[in-house]
Amino acid sequence: MELKTIKGEQKCDMLLEKGMEILWSKGYNATSVNDIVKAADVPKGSFYFYFDSKEDFAVKAIGAYFDQHFTPAKDILLNKSRTPKERILDFYEFRSLVLKNDLDCKMGCLACNLGSEMAEHSEKIRSVIVANEEQVQNLITETVVEAQKAGDIDDKLNAADIVAFFEDAGKGAMTSMKELKDSYPIDNFMNMLRMFMFT
């Protein structure tokens, strides 16, 4: 029986890292457990030692994805050397550059991809995506409230509604970006966001 040692945890991390890449590029239904263990170069038994099922793996992969990809963006929102409005723009600029430069306009967001595919079929996957997205939106909303108090964003608008609109528009732009394999939808989203922020 495999023990949960440091070496074992490294194996689990490797499964998450390699499996996340496959889920991200192929989607949930097109990804098999065999694909994941082959990519991680570990025995199939190791997969079921750490994960109850492919669904359980996907839930944990989504959590790891948010930990990895939201942490640097979170630091931008918490950077008090910048004004709240600047931090909001910096946050979205950072995410747009990742989509364009690191992901070459092809991958989009893992959570958005899996949410579109699996929200109707897996409550566990849907719930973990919603919970993580709410954490992100709450932090952006706090920053919008700061900007409203500073007089940089109209305080007659509901901060949570503003952020929900930004995030929904961003998701739509990511979907179009993947379809077109072109940065225009994200560039257009950023241009509209700048116009909102600077009016």
N, C-alpha and C. Protein backbone atom coordinates (compact mmCIF):
# COMPACT_ATOMS: atom_id res chain seq x y z
N MET A 1 0.85 -1.20 0.00
CA MET A 1 0.00 0.00 0.00
C MET A 1 0.88 1.24 0.00
N GLU A 2 0.55 2.18 -0.86
CA GLU A 2 1.35 3.40 -1.00
C GLU A 2 1.08 4.33 0.19
N LEU A 3 2.14 4.85 0.77
CA LEU A 3 2.00 5.76 1.90
C LEU A 3 2.08 7.20 1.42
N LYS A 4 1.41 8.11 2.15
CA LYS A 4 1.43 9.52 1.79
C LYS A 4 2.70 10.16 2.33
N THR A 5 3.81 9.92 1.65
CA THR A 5 5.10 10.48 2.01
C THR A 5 5.34 11.73 1.17
N ILE A 6 6.50 12.38 1.41
CA ILE A 6 6.86 13.54 0.59
C ILE A 6 6.94 13.14 -0.88
N LYS A 7 7.55 11.98 -1.12
CA LYS A 7 7.64 11.48 -2.49
C LYS A 7 6.25 11.24 -3.07
N GLY A 8 5.37 10.72 -2.22
CA GLY A 8 4.00 10.48 -2.66
C GLY A 8 3.28 11.77 -2.99
N GLU A 9 3.49 12.80 -2.16
CA GLU A 9 2.85 14.10 -2.42
C GLU A 9 3.38 14.71 -3.72
N GLN A 10 4.65 14.48 -4.01
CA GLN A 10 5.21 14.96 -5.27
C GLN A 10 4.55 14.26 -6.45
N LYS A 11 4.25 12.98 -6.25
CA LYS A 11 3.55 12.22 -7.29
C LYS A 11 2.15 12.79 -7.51
N CYS A 12 1.49 13.12 -6.40
CA CYS A 12 0.15 13.72 -6.49
C CYS A 12 0.21 15.06 -7.22
N ASP A 13 1.21 15.87 -6.88
CA ASP A 13 1.38 17.17 -7.55
C ASP A 13 1.63 17.00 -9.04
N MET A 14 2.42 15.98 -9.38
CA MET A 14 2.71 15.71 -10.79
C MET A 14 1.44 15.31 -11.53
N LEU A 15 0.63 14.47 -10.91
CA LEU A 15 -0.65 14.09 -11.51
C LEU A 15 -1.53 15.32 -11.75
N LEU A 16 -1.59 16.21 -10.75
CA LEU A 16 -2.40 17.41 -10.89
C LEU A 16 -1.86 18.31 -12.00
N GLU A 17 -0.55 18.49 -12.01
CA GLU A 17 0.05 19.38 -13.00
C GLU A 17 -0.18 18.87 -14.42
N LYS A 18 0.16 17.62 -14.65
CA LYS A 18 0.03 17.07 -16.00
C LYS A 18 -1.43 16.87 -16.40
N GLY A 19 -2.21 16.40 -15.44
CA GLY A 19 -3.63 16.20 -15.73
C GLY A 19 -4.37 17.49 -15.99
N MET A 20 -3.98 18.54 -15.26
CA MET A 20 -4.61 19.85 -15.48
C MET A 20 -4.38 20.33 -16.91
N GLU A 21 -3.17 20.13 -17.41
CA GLU A 21 -2.86 20.55 -18.78
C GLU A 21 -3.74 19.83 -19.80
N ILE A 22 -3.96 18.53 -19.55
CA ILE A 22 -4.79 17.76 -20.49
C ILE A 22 -6.25 18.18 -20.39
N LEU A 23 -6.75 18.33 -19.16
CA LEU A 23 -8.14 18.80 -18.99
C LEU A 23 -8.33 20.15 -19.67
N TRP A 24 -7.35 21.01 -19.53
CA TRP A 24 -7.42 22.36 -20.07
C TRP A 24 -7.48 22.35 -21.60
N SER A 25 -6.69 21.48 -22.21
CA SER A 25 -6.61 21.47 -23.67
C SER A 25 -7.68 20.58 -24.32
N LYS A 26 -8.05 19.46 -23.65
CA LYS A 26 -8.96 18.50 -24.28
C LYS A 26 -10.38 18.55 -23.72
N GLY A 27 -10.54 19.06 -22.50
CA GLY A 27 -11.85 19.03 -21.87
C GLY A 27 -12.02 17.80 -21.01
N TYR A 28 -13.09 17.79 -20.23
CA TYR A 28 -13.31 16.71 -19.27
C TYR A 28 -13.62 15.38 -19.95
N ASN A 29 -14.59 15.39 -20.85
CA ASN A 29 -15.04 14.13 -21.44
C ASN A 29 -14.00 13.49 -22.35
N ALA A 30 -13.15 14.30 -22.95
CA ALA A 30 -12.12 13.77 -23.85
C ALA A 30 -10.86 13.35 -23.11
N THR A 31 -10.82 13.59 -21.81
CA THR A 31 -9.66 13.22 -21.00
C THR A 31 -9.97 11.95 -20.21
N SER A 32 -9.10 10.97 -20.31
CA SER A 32 -9.28 9.73 -19.56
C SER A 32 -8.25 9.66 -18.43
N VAL A 33 -8.51 8.81 -17.46
CA VAL A 33 -7.55 8.57 -16.39
C VAL A 33 -6.24 8.05 -16.98
N ASN A 34 -6.33 7.22 -17.99
CA ASN A 34 -5.12 6.72 -18.65
C ASN A 34 -4.29 7.85 -19.25
N ASP A 35 -4.97 8.84 -19.83
CA ASP A 35 -4.25 10.01 -20.37
C ASP A 35 -3.45 10.70 -19.27
N ILE A 36 -4.08 10.85 -18.11
CA ILE A 36 -3.46 11.58 -16.99
C ILE A 36 -2.26 10.82 -16.45
N VAL A 37 -2.42 9.52 -16.19
CA VAL A 37 -1.31 8.76 -15.60
C VAL A 37 -0.17 8.61 -16.60
N LYS A 38 -0.51 8.51 -17.87
CA LYS A 38 0.54 8.41 -18.89
C LYS A 38 1.35 9.70 -18.96
N ALA A 39 0.66 10.83 -18.92
CA ALA A 39 1.36 12.12 -18.97
C ALA A 39 2.23 12.34 -17.74
N ALA A 40 1.74 11.87 -16.59
CA ALA A 40 2.49 12.04 -15.34
C ALA A 40 3.52 10.93 -15.13
N ASP A 41 3.46 9.90 -15.97
CA ASP A 41 4.37 8.76 -15.89
C ASP A 41 4.32 8.09 -14.51
N VAL A 42 3.10 7.80 -14.07
CA VAL A 42 2.90 7.11 -12.79
C VAL A 42 1.92 5.95 -13.00
N PRO A 43 1.94 4.94 -12.16
CA PRO A 43 1.01 3.82 -12.29
C PRO A 43 -0.43 4.27 -12.08
N LYS A 44 -1.34 3.57 -12.70
CA LYS A 44 -2.76 3.92 -12.58
C LYS A 44 -3.23 3.81 -11.13
N GLY A 45 -2.67 2.85 -10.39
CA GLY A 45 -3.05 2.70 -8.99
C GLY A 45 -2.76 3.94 -8.16
N SER A 46 -1.72 4.67 -8.54
CA SER A 46 -1.38 5.89 -7.82
C SER A 46 -2.48 6.93 -7.97
N PHE A 47 -3.09 6.96 -9.14
CA PHE A 47 -4.19 7.91 -9.36
C PHE A 47 -5.30 7.67 -8.35
N TYR A 48 -5.71 6.43 -8.22
CA TYR A 48 -6.84 6.12 -7.34
C TYR A 48 -6.45 6.13 -5.86
N PHE A 49 -5.16 6.19 -5.58
CA PHE A 49 -4.73 6.39 -4.19
C PHE A 49 -4.99 7.83 -3.76
N TYR A 50 -4.82 8.77 -4.69
CA TYR A 50 -4.96 10.19 -4.36
C TYR A 50 -6.34 10.76 -4.72
N PHE A 51 -7.00 10.14 -5.68
CA PHE A 51 -8.27 10.69 -6.17
C PHE A 51 -9.31 9.58 -6.23
N ASP A 52 -10.51 9.89 -5.78
CA ASP A 52 -11.57 8.89 -5.75
C ASP A 52 -12.07 8.54 -7.15
N SER A 53 -11.99 9.52 -8.06
CA SER A 53 -12.54 9.33 -9.41
C SER A 53 -11.99 10.44 -10.30
N LYS A 54 -12.32 10.38 -11.57
CA LYS A 54 -11.92 11.46 -12.48
C LYS A 54 -12.60 12.76 -12.07
N GLU A 55 -13.84 12.67 -11.61
CA GLU A 55 -14.55 13.86 -11.15
C GLU A 55 -13.84 14.47 -9.95
N ASP A 56 -13.43 13.65 -9.01
CA ASP A 56 -12.69 14.13 -7.84
C ASP A 56 -11.38 14.78 -8.27
N PHE A 57 -10.72 14.17 -9.24
CA PHE A 57 -9.48 14.76 -9.77
C PHE A 57 -9.77 16.15 -10.34
N ALA A 58 -10.83 16.27 -11.13
CA ALA A 58 -11.16 17.55 -11.75
C ALA A 58 -11.43 18.62 -10.70
N VAL A 59 -12.14 18.25 -9.64
CA VAL A 59 -12.42 19.19 -8.55
C VAL A 59 -11.11 19.70 -7.93
N LYS A 60 -10.19 18.78 -7.66
CA LYS A 60 -8.91 19.17 -7.05
C LYS A 60 -8.05 19.96 -8.04
N ALA A 61 -8.13 19.61 -9.31
CA ALA A 61 -7.37 20.33 -10.33
C ALA A 61 -7.86 21.77 -10.46
N ILE A 62 -9.17 21.96 -10.34
CA ILE A 62 -9.72 23.32 -10.40
C ILE A 62 -9.21 24.15 -9.22
N GLY A 63 -9.18 23.54 -8.03
CA GLY A 63 -8.64 24.24 -6.86
C GLY A 63 -7.19 24.61 -7.06
N ALA A 64 -6.39 23.67 -7.59
CA ALA A 64 -4.98 23.94 -7.85
C ALA A 64 -4.82 25.02 -8.91
N TYR A 65 -5.68 25.00 -9.91
CA TYR A 65 -5.64 26.01 -10.98
C TYR A 65 -5.84 27.41 -10.40
N PHE A 66 -6.85 27.58 -9.57
CA PHE A 66 -7.09 28.90 -8.98
C PHE A 66 -5.94 29.31 -8.07
N ASP A 67 -5.38 28.37 -7.31
CA ASP A 67 -4.24 28.70 -6.45
C ASP A 67 -3.06 29.21 -7.27
N GLN A 68 -2.80 28.54 -8.38
CA GLN A 68 -1.65 28.90 -9.21
C GLN A 68 -1.86 30.18 -10.00
N HIS A 69 -3.04 30.32 -10.57
CA HIS A 69 -3.25 31.41 -11.53
C HIS A 69 -3.87 32.66 -10.93
N PHE A 70 -4.56 32.52 -9.81
CA PHE A 70 -5.13 33.72 -9.22
C PHE A 70 -4.18 34.40 -8.24
N THR A 71 -3.22 33.67 -7.70
CA THR A 71 -2.32 34.25 -6.69
C THR A 71 -1.58 35.48 -7.21
N PRO A 72 -0.92 35.44 -8.38
CA PRO A 72 -0.25 36.65 -8.85
C PRO A 72 -1.22 37.78 -9.17
N ALA A 73 -2.41 37.43 -9.68
CA ALA A 73 -3.42 38.45 -9.97
C ALA A 73 -3.96 39.05 -8.67
N LYS A 74 -4.10 38.21 -7.65
CA LYS A 74 -4.55 38.69 -6.33
C LYS A 74 -3.56 39.70 -5.76
N ASP A 75 -2.27 39.42 -5.93
CA ASP A 75 -1.24 40.34 -5.44
C ASP A 75 -1.37 41.71 -6.10
N ILE A 76 -1.77 41.71 -7.37
CA ILE A 76 -1.97 42.98 -8.08
C ILE A 76 -3.11 43.77 -7.44
N LEU A 77 -4.22 43.09 -7.13
CA LEU A 77 -5.36 43.77 -6.52
C LEU A 77 -5.04 44.29 -5.12
N LEU A 78 -4.10 43.65 -4.45
CA LEU A 78 -3.75 44.05 -3.07
C LEU A 78 -2.58 45.03 -3.01
N ASN A 79 -2.06 45.43 -4.16
CA ASN A 79 -0.90 46.32 -4.21
C ASN A 79 -1.31 47.76 -3.87
N LYS A 80 -1.15 48.13 -2.61
CA LYS A 80 -1.64 49.42 -2.14
C LYS A 80 -0.80 50.60 -2.63
N SER A 81 0.30 50.31 -3.34
CA SER A 81 1.08 51.41 -3.91
C SER A 81 0.40 52.00 -5.15
N ARG A 82 -0.62 51.31 -5.65
CA ARG A 82 -1.40 51.77 -6.80
C ARG A 82 -2.79 52.17 -6.34
N THR A 83 -3.43 53.09 -7.05
CA THR A 83 -4.79 53.48 -6.69
C THR A 83 -5.73 52.31 -6.99
N PRO A 84 -6.91 52.28 -6.35
CA PRO A 84 -7.85 51.18 -6.62
C PRO A 84 -8.17 51.03 -8.10
N LYS A 85 -8.40 52.15 -8.78
CA LYS A 85 -8.73 52.08 -10.21
C LYS A 85 -7.56 51.51 -11.01
N GLU A 86 -6.35 51.93 -10.68
CA GLU A 86 -5.17 51.40 -11.36
C GLU A 86 -5.03 49.90 -11.12
N ARG A 87 -5.32 49.46 -9.89
CA ARG A 87 -5.20 48.05 -9.57
C ARG A 87 -6.21 47.20 -10.35
N ILE A 88 -7.41 47.71 -10.54
CA ILE A 88 -8.42 46.98 -11.32
C ILE A 88 -7.94 46.83 -12.76
N LEU A 89 -7.46 47.94 -13.34
CA LEU A 89 -6.95 47.87 -14.71
C LEU A 89 -5.73 46.96 -14.81
N ASP A 90 -4.82 47.09 -13.84
CA ASP A 90 -3.63 46.23 -13.83
C ASP A 90 -4.02 44.75 -13.78
N PHE A 91 -5.04 44.45 -12.98
CA PHE A 91 -5.52 43.07 -12.82
C PHE A 91 -6.00 42.51 -14.15
N TYR A 92 -6.85 43.25 -14.84
CA TYR A 92 -7.38 42.76 -16.10
C TYR A 92 -6.33 42.78 -17.21
N GLU A 93 -5.42 43.76 -17.16
CA GLU A 93 -4.31 43.78 -18.12
C GLU A 93 -3.46 42.52 -17.95
N PHE A 94 -3.17 42.17 -16.71
CA PHE A 94 -2.37 40.99 -16.43
C PHE A 94 -3.04 39.74 -16.99
N ARG A 95 -4.32 39.59 -16.73
CA ARG A 95 -5.03 38.40 -17.21
C ARG A 95 -5.08 38.35 -18.73
N SER A 96 -5.27 39.51 -19.37
CA SER A 96 -5.34 39.53 -20.83
C SER A 96 -3.99 39.16 -21.45
N LEU A 97 -2.91 39.62 -20.83
CA LEU A 97 -1.58 39.30 -21.35
C LEU A 97 -1.27 37.81 -21.20
N VAL A 98 -1.71 37.21 -20.10
CA VAL A 98 -1.52 35.76 -19.93
C VAL A 98 -2.26 35.01 -21.04
N LEU A 99 -3.49 35.41 -21.30
CA LEU A 99 -4.28 34.75 -22.33
C LEU A 99 -3.63 34.87 -23.71
N LYS A 100 -3.08 36.04 -23.99
CA LYS A 100 -2.52 36.29 -25.32
C LYS A 100 -1.10 35.75 -25.46
N ASN A 101 -0.26 36.03 -24.48
CA ASN A 101 1.16 35.71 -24.61
C ASN A 101 1.51 34.30 -24.13
N ASP A 102 1.00 33.92 -22.96
CA ASP A 102 1.34 32.61 -22.40
C ASP A 102 0.50 31.50 -23.00
N LEU A 103 -0.76 31.79 -23.29
CA LEU A 103 -1.67 30.75 -23.77
C LEU A 103 -1.98 30.87 -25.27
N ASP A 104 -1.40 31.86 -25.92
CA ASP A 104 -1.48 32.00 -27.38
C ASP A 104 -2.92 32.04 -27.91
N CYS A 105 -3.82 32.61 -27.12
CA CYS A 105 -5.23 32.81 -27.53
C CYS A 105 -5.98 31.51 -27.78
N LYS A 106 -5.44 30.37 -27.31
CA LYS A 106 -6.05 29.08 -27.64
C LYS A 106 -6.68 28.37 -26.46
N MET A 107 -6.17 28.60 -25.26
CA MET A 107 -6.57 27.79 -24.11
C MET A 107 -7.76 28.36 -23.35
N GLY A 108 -7.83 29.68 -23.24
CA GLY A 108 -8.86 30.28 -22.41
C GLY A 108 -8.62 30.01 -20.94
N CYS A 109 -9.69 29.90 -20.18
CA CYS A 109 -9.62 29.66 -18.73
C CYS A 109 -10.08 28.24 -18.44
N LEU A 110 -9.29 27.48 -17.69
CA LEU A 110 -9.67 26.09 -17.37
C LEU A 110 -11.04 26.03 -16.71
N ALA A 111 -11.28 26.91 -15.73
CA ALA A 111 -12.56 26.88 -15.01
C ALA A 111 -13.73 27.20 -15.95
N CYS A 112 -13.53 28.18 -16.83
CA CYS A 112 -14.59 28.54 -17.78
C CYS A 112 -14.86 27.38 -18.74
N ASN A 113 -13.77 26.76 -19.21
CA ASN A 113 -13.93 25.64 -20.13
C ASN A 113 -14.71 24.50 -19.49
N LEU A 114 -14.29 24.11 -18.28
CA LEU A 114 -14.96 23.00 -17.60
C LEU A 114 -16.36 23.38 -17.16
N GLY A 115 -16.54 24.63 -16.78
CA GLY A 115 -17.88 25.08 -16.39
C GLY A 115 -18.86 24.97 -17.54
N SER A 116 -18.43 25.41 -18.73
CA SER A 116 -19.30 25.33 -19.91
C SER A 116 -19.64 23.89 -20.25
N GLU A 117 -18.65 23.01 -20.07
CA GLU A 117 -18.85 21.61 -20.44
C GLU A 117 -19.62 20.81 -19.40
N MET A 118 -19.36 21.09 -18.11
CA MET A 118 -19.79 20.16 -17.06
C MET A 118 -20.82 20.70 -16.06
N ALA A 119 -21.16 21.98 -16.12
CA ALA A 119 -22.05 22.56 -15.10
C ALA A 119 -23.38 21.81 -15.01
N GLU A 120 -23.88 21.32 -16.14
CA GLU A 120 -25.17 20.61 -16.13
C GLU A 120 -25.02 19.15 -15.71
N HIS A 121 -23.78 18.66 -15.69
CA HIS A 121 -23.58 17.21 -15.51
C HIS A 121 -22.90 16.84 -14.19
N SER A 122 -22.23 17.78 -13.56
CA SER A 122 -21.52 17.48 -12.31
C SER A 122 -21.69 18.64 -11.34
N GLU A 123 -22.46 18.39 -10.29
CA GLU A 123 -22.67 19.43 -9.28
C GLU A 123 -21.38 19.72 -8.53
N LYS A 124 -20.54 18.71 -8.33
CA LYS A 124 -19.28 18.93 -7.61
C LYS A 124 -18.37 19.88 -8.39
N ILE A 125 -18.25 19.64 -9.68
CA ILE A 125 -17.42 20.51 -10.51
C ILE A 125 -18.02 21.91 -10.59
N ARG A 126 -19.31 21.99 -10.80
CA ARG A 126 -19.97 23.30 -10.87
C ARG A 126 -19.76 24.08 -9.57
N SER A 127 -19.94 23.41 -8.44
CA SER A 127 -19.87 24.09 -7.15
C SER A 127 -18.47 24.61 -6.85
N VAL A 128 -17.44 23.82 -7.17
CA VAL A 128 -16.09 24.27 -6.86
C VAL A 128 -15.69 25.45 -7.76
N ILE A 129 -16.17 25.45 -9.00
CA ILE A 129 -15.91 26.58 -9.88
C ILE A 129 -16.59 27.84 -9.36
N VAL A 130 -17.86 27.71 -9.00
CA VAL A 130 -18.60 28.87 -8.48
C VAL A 130 -17.96 29.41 -7.21
N ALA A 131 -17.57 28.52 -6.30
CA ALA A 131 -16.97 28.96 -5.03
C ALA A 131 -15.68 29.73 -5.27
N ASN A 132 -14.84 29.23 -6.17
CA ASN A 132 -13.57 29.92 -6.45
C ASN A 132 -13.80 31.23 -7.20
N GLU A 133 -14.74 31.21 -8.14
CA GLU A 133 -15.04 32.45 -8.87
C GLU A 133 -15.61 33.51 -7.94
N GLU A 134 -16.39 33.10 -6.96
CA GLU A 134 -16.93 34.06 -5.99
C GLU A 134 -15.82 34.71 -5.18
N GLN A 135 -14.80 33.93 -4.82
CA GLN A 135 -13.67 34.51 -4.08
C GLN A 135 -12.97 35.57 -4.92
N VAL A 136 -12.78 35.27 -6.19
CA VAL A 136 -12.14 36.23 -7.10
C VAL A 136 -13.01 37.49 -7.22
N GLN A 137 -14.30 37.29 -7.48
CA GLN A 137 -15.19 38.43 -7.67
C GLN A 137 -15.30 39.27 -6.41
N ASN A 138 -15.28 38.62 -5.24
CA ASN A 138 -15.38 39.38 -3.99
C ASN A 138 -14.19 40.32 -3.82
N LEU A 139 -13.00 39.84 -4.18
CA LEU A 139 -11.82 40.69 -4.03
C LEU A 139 -11.83 41.83 -5.04
N ILE A 140 -12.26 41.56 -6.27
CA ILE A 140 -12.39 42.64 -7.26
C ILE A 140 -13.43 43.65 -6.79
N THR A 141 -14.54 43.14 -6.25
CA THR A 141 -15.62 44.01 -5.76
C THR A 141 -15.12 44.93 -4.65
N GLU A 142 -14.33 44.38 -3.73
CA GLU A 142 -13.76 45.21 -2.66
C GLU A 142 -12.92 46.34 -3.25
N THR A 143 -12.19 46.06 -4.31
CA THR A 143 -11.35 47.07 -4.94
C THR A 143 -12.20 48.11 -5.66
N VAL A 144 -13.30 47.67 -6.28
CA VAL A 144 -14.22 48.62 -6.91
C VAL A 144 -14.84 49.55 -5.86
N VAL A 145 -15.21 48.99 -4.72
CA VAL A 145 -15.75 49.81 -3.63
C VAL A 145 -14.72 50.86 -3.19
N GLU A 146 -13.46 50.46 -3.09
CA GLU A 146 -12.40 51.42 -2.76
C GLU A 146 -12.35 52.53 -3.80
N ALA A 147 -12.44 52.16 -5.09
CA ALA A 147 -12.40 53.15 -6.16
C ALA A 147 -13.61 54.08 -6.10
N GLN A 148 -14.76 53.54 -5.71
CA GLN A 148 -15.95 54.38 -5.56
C GLN A 148 -15.77 55.38 -4.42
N LYS A 149 -15.20 54.91 -3.31
CA LYS A 149 -14.97 55.81 -2.18
C LYS A 149 -13.96 56.90 -2.52
N ALA A 150 -13.04 56.57 -3.44
CA ALA A 150 -12.04 57.55 -3.88
C ALA A 150 -12.59 58.49 -4.94
N GLY A 151 -13.82 58.22 -5.39
CA GLY A 151 -14.46 59.06 -6.40
C GLY A 151 -14.07 58.73 -7.82
N ASP A 152 -13.43 57.57 -8.03
CA ASP A 152 -12.97 57.20 -9.37
C ASP A 152 -13.96 56.36 -10.16
N ILE A 153 -14.94 55.78 -9.48
CA ILE A 153 -16.01 55.04 -10.14
C ILE A 153 -17.33 55.50 -9.53
N ASP A 154 -18.33 55.67 -10.36
CA ASP A 154 -19.64 56.16 -9.94
C ASP A 154 -20.19 55.29 -8.80
N ASP A 155 -20.43 55.91 -7.64
CA ASP A 155 -20.92 55.13 -6.50
C ASP A 155 -22.41 54.86 -6.55
N LYS A 156 -23.08 55.34 -7.59
CA LYS A 156 -24.50 55.02 -7.76
C LYS A 156 -24.66 53.61 -8.34
N LEU A 157 -23.59 53.09 -8.90
CA LEU A 157 -23.62 51.74 -9.45
C LEU A 157 -23.28 50.73 -8.37
N ASN A 158 -23.93 49.59 -8.40
CA ASN A 158 -23.64 48.53 -7.43
C ASN A 158 -22.32 47.87 -7.79
N ALA A 159 -21.38 47.86 -6.85
CA ALA A 159 -20.03 47.35 -7.14
C ALA A 159 -20.05 45.90 -7.59
N ALA A 160 -20.85 45.06 -6.92
CA ALA A 160 -20.92 43.64 -7.28
C ALA A 160 -21.48 43.45 -8.69
N ASP A 161 -22.44 44.30 -9.09
CA ASP A 161 -23.01 44.22 -10.43
C ASP A 161 -21.98 44.62 -11.48
N ILE A 162 -21.17 45.63 -11.16
CA ILE A 162 -20.11 46.05 -12.08
C ILE A 162 -19.14 44.90 -12.33
N VAL A 163 -18.72 44.27 -11.25
CA VAL A 163 -17.74 43.18 -11.36
C VAL A 163 -18.34 41.98 -12.08
N ALA A 164 -19.59 41.65 -11.77
CA ALA A 164 -20.24 40.53 -12.45
C ALA A 164 -20.29 40.78 -13.96
N PHE A 165 -20.55 42.04 -14.34
CA PHE A 165 -20.59 42.37 -15.77
C PHE A 165 -19.20 42.24 -16.38
N PHE A 166 -18.18 42.77 -15.70
CA PHE A 166 -16.80 42.63 -16.20
C PHE A 166 -16.45 41.16 -16.42
N GLU A 167 -16.74 40.34 -15.41
CA GLU A 167 -16.34 38.94 -15.46
C GLU A 167 -17.13 38.17 -16.53
N ASP A 168 -18.43 38.45 -16.64
CA ASP A 168 -19.23 37.77 -17.67
C ASP A 168 -18.76 38.19 -19.07
N ALA A 169 -18.47 39.48 -19.25
CA ALA A 169 -17.98 39.96 -20.55
C ALA A 169 -16.62 39.33 -20.86
N GLY A 170 -15.78 39.20 -19.84
CA GLY A 170 -14.48 38.58 -20.03
C GLY A 170 -14.59 37.13 -20.44
N LYS A 171 -15.53 36.41 -19.82
CA LYS A 171 -15.74 35.00 -20.20
C LYS A 171 -16.19 34.89 -21.66
N GLY A 172 -17.10 35.76 -22.05
CA GLY A 172 -17.55 35.75 -23.45
C GLY A 172 -16.41 36.05 -24.40
N ALA A 173 -15.56 37.00 -24.02
CA ALA A 173 -14.42 37.35 -24.86
C ALA A 173 -13.45 36.18 -24.99
N MET A 174 -13.25 35.44 -23.89
CA MET A 174 -12.36 34.28 -23.94
C MET A 174 -12.91 33.20 -24.86
N THR A 175 -14.22 33.00 -24.83
CA THR A 175 -14.83 32.01 -25.71
C THR A 175 -14.65 32.39 -27.17
N SER A 176 -14.90 33.66 -27.48
CA SER A 176 -14.73 34.14 -28.86
C SER A 176 -13.27 34.08 -29.28
N MET A 177 -12.37 34.40 -28.37
CA MET A 177 -10.94 34.36 -28.65
C MET A 177 -10.51 32.96 -29.07
N LYS A 178 -11.01 31.93 -28.34
CA LYS A 178 -10.67 30.55 -28.68
C LYS A 178 -11.25 30.17 -30.05
N GLU A 179 -12.48 30.60 -30.32
CA GLU A 179 -13.11 30.28 -31.60
C GLU A 179 -12.34 30.90 -32.76
N LEU A 180 -11.93 32.17 -32.57
CA LEU A 180 -11.26 32.90 -33.64
C LEU A 180 -9.76 32.63 -33.68
N LYS A 181 -9.22 32.11 -32.54
CA LYS A 181 -7.76 31.98 -32.38
C LYS A 181 -7.08 33.31 -32.67
N ASP A 182 -7.67 34.34 -32.09
CA ASP A 182 -7.21 35.71 -32.33
C ASP A 182 -7.44 36.52 -31.06
N SER A 183 -6.60 37.51 -30.82
CA SER A 183 -6.69 38.30 -29.59
C SER A 183 -7.75 39.39 -29.63
N TYR A 184 -8.38 39.62 -30.79
CA TYR A 184 -9.32 40.75 -30.91
C TYR A 184 -10.37 40.78 -29.80
N PRO A 185 -11.07 39.68 -29.48
CA PRO A 185 -12.10 39.77 -28.44
C PRO A 185 -11.57 40.26 -27.09
N ILE A 186 -10.38 39.78 -26.69
CA ILE A 186 -9.80 40.22 -25.42
C ILE A 186 -9.33 41.66 -25.52
N ASP A 187 -8.75 42.03 -26.65
CA ASP A 187 -8.32 43.43 -26.85
C ASP A 187 -9.52 44.36 -26.80
N ASN A 188 -10.61 43.94 -27.43
CA ASN A 188 -11.83 44.76 -27.44
C ASN A 188 -12.40 44.88 -26.03
N PHE A 189 -12.40 43.76 -25.28
CA PHE A 189 -12.85 43.79 -23.89
C PHE A 189 -12.03 44.80 -23.09
N MET A 190 -10.71 44.76 -23.25
CA MET A 190 -9.85 45.68 -22.50
C MET A 190 -10.09 47.12 -22.91
N ASN A 191 -10.31 47.38 -24.19
CA ASN A 191 -10.58 48.74 -24.65
C ASN A 191 -11.87 49.27 -24.03
N MET A 192 -12.90 48.44 -23.98
CA MET A 192 -14.18 48.85 -23.39
C MET A 192 -14.02 49.06 -21.88
N LEU A 193 -13.24 48.21 -21.24
CA LEU A 193 -13.00 48.36 -19.81
C LEU A 193 -12.27 49.67 -19.52
N ARG A 194 -11.28 49.99 -20.32
CA ARG A 194 -10.56 51.26 -20.13
C ARG A 194 -11.49 52.45 -20.32
N MET A 195 -12.36 52.37 -21.31
CA MET A 195 -13.30 53.46 -21.54
C MET A 195 -14.22 53.65 -20.32
N PHE A 196 -14.68 52.52 -19.74
CA PHE A 196 -15.52 52.61 -18.55
C PHE A 196 -14.75 53.23 -17.40
N MET A 197 -13.51 52.79 -17.21
CA MET A 197 -12.73 53.23 -16.06
C MET A 197 -12.30 54.69 -16.16
N PHE A 198 -12.21 55.20 -17.37
CA PHE A 198 -11.68 56.55 -17.52
C PHE A 198 -12.74 57.58 -17.93
N THR A 199 -14.02 57.20 -17.82
CA THR A 199 -15.08 58.18 -18.09
C THR A 199 -15.53 58.82 -16.79
